[in-house]
Amino acid sequence: MSEDIKEALAGYKRRTLPATSVKAAVLVPVIIGGCGAEILFTKRPVMLNAHGGEVSFPGGVCEPEDANLEETALRETFEEVGIKREQISIIGALDDQLSKAGFRVTPFVGLISRPFNMTVSPDEVDRVYKVPVAYFTDTRTSWTERWVRQGEVRTVYFHRYDDDIIWGLTAKFVDNFLRCIKALDI
């Protein structure tokens, strides 16, 4: 299955956006195991000023010491959930997106090798959970809404998982990933 996902992403022509003053990257962590493919999510502590209580992927702003955005995604993943870069195989990048703060965000898909250990940073992550990729194909738990922001109509993506709503850029990255692998039997 991991080879199929790698092949699907290798042929993907991603959409890039022009550089912004602030660049950011996230990791879409995919775990392959006995249950099929799963995506790992984090839930941010409610007390955070930025994105408090939201479901997200590990990631953040590109720092001067980061050689590139891929390194940003790997560094942030280690800082937030303690998964070492040696346990992550970056297999591709999805479409850039513009955050509501005006950052260009580049999502990288990384396969996480098993077994792996996590050390969650309580300052950045309230909890971590895995969702089977197949779950996101259920139209009863996924939807879009049309929102107007600053005079521009946008499609906002949503997924309900247990008591959480995965929405915004995180949900958009999930949908982008699903489009890349749609031909696979996951």
C-alpha atoms as a PDB file:
ATOM      1  CA  MET A   1       0.000   0.000   0.000  1.00  0.00           C
ATOM      2  CA  SER A   2       2.803   2.466   0.795  1.00  0.00           C
ATOM      3  CA  GLU A   3       4.241   1.926  -2.700  1.00  0.00           C
ATOM      4  CA  ASP A   4       0.826   2.677  -4.223  1.00  0.00           C
ATOM      5  CA  ILE A   5       0.576   5.930  -2.264  1.00  0.00           C
ATOM      6  CA  LYS A   6       4.139   6.870  -3.257  1.00  0.00           C
ATOM      7  CA  GLU A   7       3.325   6.222  -6.919  1.00  0.00           C
ATOM      8  CA  ALA A   8       0.102   8.257  -6.761  1.00  0.00           C
ATOM      9  CA  LEU A   9       1.935  11.236  -5.254  1.00  0.00           C
ATOM     10  CA  ALA A  10       4.897  10.918  -7.622  1.00  0.00           C
ATOM     11  CA  GLY A  11       2.602  11.633 -10.550  1.00  0.00           C
ATOM     12  CA  TYR A  12       0.774  14.516  -8.872  1.00  0.00           C
ATOM     13  CA  LYS A  13       1.251  17.999 -10.353  1.00  0.00           C
ATOM     14  CA  ARG A  14       0.849  20.204  -7.325  1.00  0.00           C
ATOM     15  CA  ARG A  15      -0.290  23.819  -7.390  1.00  0.00           C
ATOM     16  CA  THR A  16       2.221  26.282  -5.986  1.00  0.00           C
ATOM     17  CA  LEU A  17       1.521  29.808  -4.817  1.00  0.00           C
ATOM     18  CA  PRO A  18       3.792  32.829  -5.045  1.00  0.00           C
ATOM     19  CA  ALA A  19       6.034  33.402  -2.042  1.00  0.00           C
ATOM     20  CA  THR A  20       4.603  35.367   0.863  1.00  0.00           C
ATOM     21  CA  SER A  21       6.494  37.225   3.570  1.00  0.00           C
ATOM     22  CA  VAL A  22       5.903  34.271   5.902  1.00  0.00           C
ATOM     23  CA  LYS A  23       6.211  30.664   4.738  1.00  0.00           C
ATOM     24  CA  ALA A  24       4.993  27.665   6.676  1.00  0.00           C
ATOM     25  CA  ALA A  25       4.846  23.905   6.233  1.00  0.00           C
ATOM     26  CA  VAL A  26       2.927  21.003   7.716  1.00  0.00           C
ATOM     27  CA  LEU A  27       3.355  17.262   7.635  1.00  0.00           C
ATOM     28  CA  VAL A  28       0.435  15.057   6.627  1.00  0.00           C
ATOM     29  CA  PRO A  29       1.590  11.972   8.566  1.00  0.00           C
ATOM     30  CA  VAL A  30       0.391   8.712   6.997  1.00  0.00           C
ATOM     31  CA  ILE A  31       0.844   5.466   8.901  1.00  0.00           C
ATOM     32  CA  ILE A  32       0.568   2.153   7.068  1.00  0.00           C
ATOM     33  CA  GLY A  33      -0.318  -0.853   9.166  1.00  0.00           C
ATOM     34  CA  GLY A  34      -2.611  -3.799   9.675  1.00  0.00           C
ATOM     35  CA  CYS A  35      -5.667  -1.516   9.577  1.00  0.00           C
ATOM     36  CA  GLY A  36      -4.668   0.036   6.262  1.00  0.00           C
ATOM     37  CA  ALA A  37      -3.598   3.652   5.912  1.00  0.00           C
ATOM     38  CA  GLU A  38      -4.257   6.075   8.756  1.00  0.00           C
ATOM     39  CA  ILE A  39      -3.663   9.810   9.053  1.00  0.00           C
ATOM     40  CA  LEU A  40      -2.259  11.183  12.294  1.00  0.00           C
ATOM     41  CA  PHE A  41      -3.803  14.401  13.633  1.00  0.00           C
ATOM     42  CA  THR A  42      -3.080  16.640  16.585  1.00  0.00           C
ATOM     43  CA  LYS A  43      -5.556  18.642  18.607  1.00  0.00           C
ATOM     44  CA  ARG A  44      -4.220  21.956  19.840  1.00  0.00           C
ATOM     45  CA  PRO A  45      -4.672  23.013  23.481  1.00  0.00           C
ATOM     46  CA  VAL A  46      -7.637  25.367  23.921  1.00  0.00           C
ATOM     47  CA  MET A  47      -5.445  27.931  25.698  1.00  0.00           C
ATOM     48  CA  LEU A  48      -3.367  28.712  22.585  1.00  0.00           C
ATOM     49  CA  ASN A  49      -3.937  32.097  20.969  1.00  0.00           C
ATOM     50  CA  ALA A  50      -3.493  30.730  17.443  1.00  0.00           C
ATOM     51  CA  HIS A  51      -5.734  27.814  16.459  1.00  0.00           C
ATOM     52  CA  GLY A  52      -6.548  26.874  20.079  1.00  0.00           C
ATOM     53  CA  GLY A  53      -8.734  23.759  20.295  1.00  0.00           C
ATOM     54  CA  GLU A  54      -8.458  23.038  16.578  1.00  0.00           C
ATOM     55  CA  VAL A  55      -7.476  19.788  14.894  1.00  0.00           C
ATOM     56  CA  SER A  56      -4.321  20.199  12.849  1.00  0.00           C
ATOM     57  CA  PHE A  57      -1.255  18.610  11.359  1.00  0.00           C
ATOM     58  CA  PRO A  58       2.186  19.122  12.885  1.00  0.00           C
ATOM     59  CA  GLY A  59       3.737  22.199  11.350  1.00  0.00           C
ATOM     60  CA  GLY A  60       4.566  25.840  11.610  1.00  0.00           C
ATOM     61  CA  VAL A  61       6.511  28.795  10.316  1.00  0.00           C
ATOM     62  CA  CYS A  62       9.782  28.323   8.466  1.00  0.00           C
ATOM     63  CA  GLU A  63      12.665  29.339  10.751  1.00  0.00           C
ATOM     64  CA  PRO A  64      16.009  30.731   9.525  1.00  0.00           C
ATOM     65  CA  GLU A  65      17.795  27.506  10.505  1.00  0.00           C
ATOM     66  CA  ASP A  66      15.488  25.418   8.266  1.00  0.00           C
ATOM     67  CA  ALA A  67      17.192  24.574   4.970  1.00  0.00           C
ATOM     68  CA  ASN A  68      13.805  24.386   3.226  1.00  0.00           C
ATOM     69  CA  LEU A  69      10.104  23.883   3.896  1.00  0.00           C
ATOM     70  CA  GLU A  70      10.454  20.108   4.051  1.00  0.00           C
ATOM     71  CA  GLU A  71      12.881  20.612   6.943  1.00  0.00           C
ATOM     72  CA  THR A  72      10.342  22.921   8.584  1.00  0.00           C
ATOM     73  CA  ALA A  73       7.688  20.188   8.470  1.00  0.00           C
ATOM     74  CA  LEU A  74      10.098  17.581   9.875  1.00  0.00           C
ATOM     75  CA  ARG A  75      11.383  19.893  12.638  1.00  0.00           C
ATOM     76  CA  GLU A  76       7.888  20.917  13.698  1.00  0.00           C
ATOM     77  CA  THR A  77       6.730  17.290  13.730  1.00  0.00           C
ATOM     78  CA  PHE A  78       9.569  16.378  16.086  1.00  0.00           C
ATOM     79  CA  GLU A  79       8.910  19.410  18.292  1.00  0.00           C
ATOM     80  CA  GLU A  80       5.155  18.774  18.530  1.00  0.00           C
ATOM     81  CA  VAL A  81       4.852  14.981  18.670  1.00  0.00           C
ATOM     82  CA  GLY A  82       8.418  13.710  19.002  1.00  0.00           C
ATOM     83  CA  ILE A  83       8.504  11.587  15.854  1.00  0.00           C
ATOM     84  CA  LYS A  84      12.091  11.575  14.634  1.00  0.00           C
ATOM     85  CA  ARG A  85      12.878  12.555  11.050  1.00  0.00           C
ATOM     86  CA  GLU A  86      14.547   9.148  10.496  1.00  0.00           C
ATOM     87  CA  GLN A  87      11.107   7.585  10.963  1.00  0.00           C
ATOM     88  CA  ILE A  88       9.487   9.781   8.303  1.00  0.00           C
ATOM     89  CA  SER A  89       9.785   9.285   4.569  1.00  0.00           C
ATOM     90  CA  ILE A  90       8.602  12.365   2.671  1.00  0.00           C
ATOM     91  CA  ILE A  91       6.878  11.052  -0.455  1.00  0.00           C
ATOM     92  CA  GLY A  92       5.483  14.217  -1.952  1.00  0.00           C
ATOM     93  CA  ALA A  93       3.912  17.604  -1.482  1.00  0.00           C
ATOM     94  CA  LEU A  94       0.325  18.702  -1.950  1.00  0.00           C
ATOM     95  CA  ASP A  95      -1.037  22.047  -3.164  1.00  0.00           C
ATOM     96  CA  ASP A  96       0.131  25.192  -1.407  1.00  0.00           C
ATOM     97  CA  GLN A  97      -2.618  27.035   0.446  1.00  0.00           C
ATOM     98  CA  LEU A  98      -2.899  30.540   1.814  1.00  0.00           C
ATOM     99  CA  SER A  99      -3.757  30.688   5.514  1.00  0.00           C
ATOM    100  CA  LYS A 100      -6.164  33.273   6.887  1.00  0.00           C
ATOM    101  CA  ALA A 101      -3.087  35.028   8.361  1.00  0.00           C
ATOM    102  CA  GLY A 102      -1.633  35.350   4.842  1.00  0.00           C
ATOM    103  CA  PHE A 103       1.039  32.626   5.159  1.00  0.00           C
ATOM    104  CA  ARG A 104       1.786  30.319   2.246  1.00  0.00           C
ATOM    105  CA  VAL A 105       1.506  26.812   3.703  1.00  0.00           C
ATOM    106  CA  THR A 106       3.101  23.851   1.948  1.00  0.00           C
ATOM    107  CA  PRO A 107       1.883  20.385   3.040  1.00  0.00           C
ATOM    108  CA  PHE A 108       4.265  17.438   2.773  1.00  0.00           C
ATOM    109  CA  VAL A 109       3.017  13.860   2.904  1.00  0.00           C
ATOM    110  CA  GLY A 110       5.218  11.643   5.017  1.00  0.00           C
ATOM    111  CA  LEU A 111       5.000   7.909   5.598  1.00  0.00           C
ATOM    112  CA  ILE A 112       5.702   7.063   9.222  1.00  0.00           C
ATOM    113  CA  SER A 113       7.543   3.807   9.745  1.00  0.00           C
ATOM    114  CA  ARG A 114       6.428   1.459  12.510  1.00  0.00           C
ATOM    115  CA  PRO A 115       7.180   1.073  15.295  1.00  0.00           C
ATOM    116  CA  PHE A 116       7.450   4.695  16.314  1.00  0.00           C
ATOM    117  CA  ASN A 117       7.355   6.502  19.613  1.00  0.00           C
ATOM    118  CA  MET A 118       5.754   9.831  20.294  1.00  0.00           C
ATOM    119  CA  THR A 119       6.607  12.401  22.919  1.00  0.00           C
ATOM    120  CA  VAL A 120       3.854  14.989  22.777  1.00  0.00           C
ATOM    121  CA  SER A 121       4.668  18.601  23.653  1.00  0.00           C
ATOM    122  CA  PRO A 122       1.853  19.622  26.029  1.00  0.00           C
ATOM    123  CA  ASP A 123       2.440  23.292  25.179  1.00  0.00           C
ATOM    124  CA  GLU A 124       1.507  22.655  21.546  1.00  0.00           C
ATOM    125  CA  VAL A 125      -0.601  19.483  21.511  1.00  0.00           C
ATOM    126  CA  ASP A 126      -3.531  18.446  23.697  1.00  0.00           C
ATOM    127  CA  ARG A 127      -3.859  15.008  22.129  1.00  0.00           C
ATOM    128  CA  VAL A 128      -2.964  12.931  19.089  1.00  0.00           C
ATOM    129  CA  TYR A 129      -5.154  10.479  17.218  1.00  0.00           C
ATOM    130  CA  LYS A 130      -5.199   8.420  14.037  1.00  0.00           C
ATOM    131  CA  VAL A 131      -8.069   8.305  11.567  1.00  0.00           C
ATOM    132  CA  PRO A 132      -8.343   5.592   8.896  1.00  0.00           C
ATOM    133  CA  VAL A 133      -8.111   7.118   5.413  1.00  0.00           C
ATOM    134  CA  ALA A 134     -11.206   5.131   4.403  1.00  0.00           C
ATOM    135  CA  TYR A 135     -13.212   7.055   7.022  1.00  0.00           C
ATOM    136  CA  PHE A 136     -12.952  10.228   4.956  1.00  0.00           C
ATOM    137  CA  THR A 137     -14.795   8.666   2.022  1.00  0.00           C
ATOM    138  CA  ASP A 138     -18.032   8.608   4.057  1.00  0.00           C
ATOM    139  CA  THR A 139     -20.135  11.483   2.721  1.00  0.00           C
ATOM    140  CA  ARG A 140     -22.167  11.524   5.964  1.00  0.00           C
ATOM    141  CA  THR A 141     -19.126  12.880   7.850  1.00  0.00           C
ATOM    142  CA  SER A 142     -17.715  15.251   5.214  1.00  0.00           C
ATOM    143  CA  TRP A 143     -19.114  18.449   3.743  1.00  0.00           C
ATOM    144  CA  THR A 144     -18.234  21.861   2.331  1.00  0.00           C
ATOM    145  CA  GLU A 145     -19.655  25.307   2.969  1.00  0.00           C
ATOM    146  CA  ARG A 146     -19.383  28.543   0.997  1.00  0.00           C
ATOM    147  CA  TRP A 147     -18.043  31.394   3.146  1.00  0.00           C
ATOM    148  CA  VAL A 148     -17.428  35.022   2.228  1.00  0.00           C
ATOM    149  CA  ARG A 149     -14.278  36.606   3.643  1.00  0.00           C
ATOM    150  CA  GLN A 150     -13.069  40.032   2.645  1.00  0.00           C
ATOM    151  CA  GLY A 151     -15.498  39.998  -0.268  1.00  0.00           C
ATOM    152  CA  GLU A 152     -14.175  36.704  -1.630  1.00  0.00           C
ATOM    153  CA  VAL A 153     -16.268  33.531  -1.735  1.00  0.00           C
ATOM    154  CA  ARG A 154     -14.350  30.485  -0.509  1.00  0.00           C
ATOM    155  CA  THR A 155     -15.154  26.817  -0.194  1.00  0.00           C
ATOM    156  CA  VAL A 156     -14.444  25.612   3.346  1.00  0.00           C
ATOM    157  CA  TYR A 157     -13.967  21.883   3.915  1.00  0.00           C
ATOM    158  CA  PHE A 158     -15.203  19.961   6.969  1.00  0.00           C
ATOM    159  CA  HIS A 159     -14.939  16.442   8.373  1.00  0.00           C
ATOM    160  CA  ARG A 160     -16.540  15.243  11.592  1.00  0.00           C
ATOM    161  CA  TYR A 161     -14.587  12.647  13.570  1.00  0.00           C
ATOM    162  CA  ASP A 162     -16.036  11.615  16.918  1.00  0.00           C
ATOM    163  CA  ASP A 163     -16.561  14.912  18.780  1.00  0.00           C
ATOM    164  CA  ASP A 164     -14.101  16.899  16.664  1.00  0.00           C
ATOM    165  CA  ILE A 165     -14.563  18.931  13.522  1.00  0.00           C
ATOM    166  CA  ILE A 166     -11.569  18.892  11.183  1.00  0.00           C
ATOM    167  CA  TRP A 167     -11.955  22.006   9.074  1.00  0.00           C
ATOM    168  CA  GLY A 168     -10.204  24.760   7.169  1.00  0.00           C
ATOM    169  CA  LEU A 169      -6.731  24.152   5.771  1.00  0.00           C
ATOM    170  CA  THR A 170      -6.360  20.838   7.602  1.00  0.00           C
ATOM    171  CA  ALA A 171      -9.531  19.480   5.993  1.00  0.00           C
ATOM    172  CA  LYS A 172      -8.480  20.954   2.640  1.00  0.00           C
ATOM    173  CA  PHE A 173      -5.145  19.116   2.871  1.00  0.00           C
ATOM    174  CA  VAL A 174      -7.028  15.882   3.649  1.00  0.00           C
ATOM    175  CA  ASP A 175      -9.236  16.363   0.600  1.00  0.00           C
ATOM    176  CA  ASN A 176      -6.221  17.148  -1.591  1.00  0.00           C
ATOM    177  CA  PHE A 177      -4.540  13.945  -0.364  1.00  0.00           C
ATOM    178  CA  LEU A 178      -7.717  11.933  -1.046  1.00  0.00           C
ATOM    179  CA  ARG A 179      -7.881  13.277  -4.619  1.00  0.00           C
ATOM    180  CA  CYS A 180      -4.276  12.176  -5.159  1.00  0.00           C
ATOM    181  CA  ILE A 181      -4.953   8.617  -4.034  1.00  0.00           C
ATOM    182  CA  LYS A 182      -8.573   8.274  -5.225  1.00  0.00           C
ATOM    183  CA  ALA A 183      -7.816   5.365  -7.559  1.00  0.00           C
ATOM    184  CA  LEU A 184      -6.335   3.300  -4.721  1.00  0.00           C
ATOM    185  CA  ASP A 185      -8.357   0.763  -2.753  1.00  0.00           C
ATOM    186  CA  ILE A 186      -7.708   2.028   0.771  1.00  0.00           C
END
